[in-house]
Amino acid sequence: MKPARFHPEALAELDEAVVYYEDCSPGLGVELRQAVEAATRRIEESPLRFYPYDADTRRFRMRRFPYSLIYAELLDHLWVVAFAHHKRRPGYWRGRL
């Protein structure tokens, strides 16, 4: 099982979303972070199970929240390049690979 590592900008995107949801409803930001942690474990367990996004990446679509984890499988780890909102700037993260 390869560990997942987050690009610093992907972590910043996640943190920003957690703050936003926590401001909307106390506890919702915590639920988002827990959902991302569960998604990360699923990706680590079976990285090829999730949808190819383009030639180099795959996408795990969150169910409850409008976000996806975009990741690449490298030799020794999984590189989460973006915590991407479904309706904002598609492909903005491509330079992070």
C-alpha atoms as a PDB file:
ATOM      1  CA  MET A   1       0.000   0.000   0.000  1.00  0.00           C
ATOM      2  CA  LYS A   2       1.438   3.351  -1.048  1.00  0.00           C
ATOM      3  CA  PRO A   3       0.932   6.331   1.265  1.00  0.00           C
ATOM      4  CA  ALA A   4      -0.808   9.434  -0.026  1.00  0.00           C
ATOM      5  CA  ARG A   5       0.977  12.774   0.174  1.00  0.00           C
ATOM      6  CA  PHE A   6      -0.715  16.082  -0.523  1.00  0.00           C
ATOM      7  CA  HIS A   7       0.718  18.868  -2.640  1.00  0.00           C
ATOM      8  CA  PRO A   8       0.952  22.001  -0.433  1.00  0.00           C
ATOM      9  CA  GLU A   9      -1.586  23.800  -2.619  1.00  0.00           C
ATOM     10  CA  ALA A  10      -3.996  20.848  -2.361  1.00  0.00           C
ATOM     11  CA  LEU A  11      -3.708  21.066   1.429  1.00  0.00           C
ATOM     12  CA  ALA A  12      -4.403  24.799   1.248  1.00  0.00           C
ATOM     13  CA  GLU A  13      -7.500  24.124  -0.876  1.00  0.00           C
ATOM     14  CA  LEU A  14      -8.723  21.573   1.649  1.00  0.00           C
ATOM     15  CA  ASP A  15      -8.084  23.904   4.597  1.00  0.00           C
ATOM     16  CA  GLU A  16      -9.941  26.718   2.835  1.00  0.00           C
ATOM     17  CA  ALA A  17     -12.937  24.458   2.185  1.00  0.00           C
ATOM     18  CA  VAL A  18     -12.959  23.231   5.801  1.00  0.00           C
ATOM     19  CA  VAL A  19     -13.049  26.822   7.081  1.00  0.00           C
ATOM     20  CA  TYR A  20     -15.826  27.708   4.623  1.00  0.00           C
ATOM     21  CA  TYR A  21     -18.025  24.770   5.631  1.00  0.00           C
ATOM     22  CA  GLU A  22     -17.332  25.304   9.324  1.00  0.00           C
ATOM     23  CA  ASP A  23     -18.486  28.928   8.928  1.00  0.00           C
ATOM     24  CA  CYS A  24     -21.643  27.735   7.165  1.00  0.00           C
ATOM     25  CA  SER A  25     -22.550  25.241   9.874  1.00  0.00           C
ATOM     26  CA  PRO A  26     -20.479  24.358  12.940  1.00  0.00           C
ATOM     27  CA  GLY A  27     -19.228  20.799  12.632  1.00  0.00           C
ATOM     28  CA  LEU A  28     -19.604  20.613   8.859  1.00  0.00           C
ATOM     29  CA  GLY A  29     -15.949  21.465   8.274  1.00  0.00           C
ATOM     30  CA  VAL A  30     -14.957  18.621  10.593  1.00  0.00           C
ATOM     31  CA  GLU A  31     -17.221  16.280   8.608  1.00  0.00           C
ATOM     32  CA  LEU A  32     -15.536  17.378   5.376  1.00  0.00           C
ATOM     33  CA  ARG A  33     -12.076  16.687   6.796  1.00  0.00           C
ATOM     34  CA  GLN A  34     -13.239  13.251   8.021  1.00  0.00           C
ATOM     35  CA  ALA A  35     -14.672  12.484   4.572  1.00  0.00           C
ATOM     36  CA  VAL A  36     -11.345  13.431   2.966  1.00  0.00           C
ATOM     37  CA  GLU A  37      -9.451  11.231   5.429  1.00  0.00           C
ATOM     38  CA  ALA A  38     -11.744   8.295   4.573  1.00  0.00           C
ATOM     39  CA  ALA A  39     -11.336   8.999   0.838  1.00  0.00           C
ATOM     40  CA  THR A  40      -7.562   9.097   1.255  1.00  0.00           C
ATOM     41  CA  ARG A  41      -7.594   5.689   2.952  1.00  0.00           C
ATOM     42  CA  ARG A  42      -9.677   4.257   0.103  1.00  0.00           C
ATOM     43  CA  ILE A  43      -7.265   5.658  -2.478  1.00  0.00           C
ATOM     44  CA  GLU A  44      -4.300   4.207  -0.585  1.00  0.00           C
ATOM     45  CA  GLU A  45      -5.956   0.786  -0.406  1.00  0.00           C
ATOM     46  CA  SER A  46      -6.790   0.610  -4.109  1.00  0.00           C
ATOM     47  CA  PRO A  47      -5.426   3.485  -6.212  1.00  0.00           C
ATOM     48  CA  LEU A  48      -6.326   2.000  -9.594  1.00  0.00           C
ATOM     49  CA  ARG A  49      -9.952   1.563  -8.621  1.00  0.00           C
ATOM     50  CA  PHE A  50     -10.909   5.176  -9.243  1.00  0.00           C
ATOM     51  CA  TYR A  51     -11.635   7.023 -12.454  1.00  0.00           C
ATOM     52  CA  PRO A  52      -8.805   7.995 -14.792  1.00  0.00           C
ATOM     53  CA  TYR A  53      -8.965  11.761 -15.189  1.00  0.00           C
ATOM     54  CA  ASP A  54      -6.345  12.170 -17.873  1.00  0.00           C
ATOM     55  CA  ALA A  55      -3.199  10.321 -18.920  1.00  0.00           C
ATOM     56  CA  ASP A  56      -1.383  10.881 -15.614  1.00  0.00           C
ATOM     57  CA  THR A  57      -4.057  11.282 -12.945  1.00  0.00           C
ATOM     58  CA  ARG A  58      -7.101   9.701 -11.379  1.00  0.00           C
ATOM     59  CA  ARG A  59     -10.059  11.255  -9.597  1.00  0.00           C
ATOM     60  CA  PHE A  60     -11.916  10.336  -6.437  1.00  0.00           C
ATOM     61  CA  ARG A  61     -15.252  12.165  -6.411  1.00  0.00           C
ATOM     62  CA  MET A  62     -16.573  13.002  -2.968  1.00  0.00           C
ATOM     63  CA  ARG A  63     -20.206  12.018  -2.501  1.00  0.00           C
ATOM     64  CA  ARG A  64     -21.495  14.544  -0.004  1.00  0.00           C
ATOM     65  CA  PHE A  65     -19.334  17.507  -0.944  1.00  0.00           C
ATOM     66  CA  PRO A  66     -18.760  18.964  -4.443  1.00  0.00           C
ATOM     67  CA  TYR A  67     -15.047  18.151  -4.516  1.00  0.00           C
ATOM     68  CA  SER A  68     -12.674  15.585  -5.972  1.00  0.00           C
ATOM     69  CA  LEU A  69      -9.255  14.409  -4.940  1.00  0.00           C
ATOM     70  CA  ILE A  70      -7.050  14.434  -8.036  1.00  0.00           C
ATOM     71  CA  TYR A  71      -4.026  12.193  -7.652  1.00  0.00           C
ATOM     72  CA  ALA A  72      -1.178  10.538  -9.512  1.00  0.00           C
ATOM     73  CA  GLU A  73       0.443   7.222  -8.687  1.00  0.00           C
ATOM     74  CA  LEU A  74       4.202   7.618  -8.373  1.00  0.00           C
ATOM     75  CA  LEU A  75       6.786   4.921  -7.671  1.00  0.00           C
ATOM     76  CA  ASP A  76       6.698   5.165  -3.890  1.00  0.00           C
ATOM     77  CA  HIS A  77       3.569   7.176  -3.042  1.00  0.00           C
ATOM     78  CA  LEU A  78       0.322   8.681  -4.284  1.00  0.00           C
ATOM     79  CA  TRP A  79       0.569  12.407  -5.017  1.00  0.00           C
ATOM     80  CA  VAL A  80      -2.676  14.291  -4.370  1.00  0.00           C
ATOM     81  CA  VAL A  81      -2.262  17.312  -6.616  1.00  0.00           C
ATOM     82  CA  ALA A  82      -5.617  18.992  -5.988  1.00  0.00           C
ATOM     83  CA  PHE A  83      -8.674  19.159  -3.803  1.00  0.00           C
ATOM     84  CA  ALA A  84     -10.752  20.432  -6.692  1.00  0.00           C
ATOM     85  CA  HIS A  85     -14.250  21.881  -6.601  1.00  0.00           C
ATOM     86  CA  HIS A  86     -16.456  20.337  -9.285  1.00  0.00           C
ATOM     87  CA  LYS A  87     -17.606  23.671 -10.718  1.00  0.00           C
ATOM     88  CA  ARG A  88     -14.485  25.820 -10.546  1.00  0.00           C
ATOM     89  CA  ARG A  89     -11.619  26.193 -13.024  1.00  0.00           C
ATOM     90  CA  PRO A  90     -11.269  22.680 -14.421  1.00  0.00           C
ATOM     91  CA  GLY A  91      -7.681  21.583 -14.916  1.00  0.00           C
ATOM     92  CA  TYR A  92      -6.113  24.528 -13.031  1.00  0.00           C
ATOM     93  CA  TRP A  93      -3.888  22.092 -11.108  1.00  0.00           C
ATOM     94  CA  ARG A  94      -2.197  20.440 -14.115  1.00  0.00           C
ATOM     95  CA  GLY A  95       1.076  22.319 -13.570  1.00  0.00           C
ATOM     96  CA  ARG A  96       1.494  20.654 -10.162  1.00  0.00           C
ATOM     97  CA  LEU A  97       2.546  17.259 -11.487  1.00  0.00           C
END
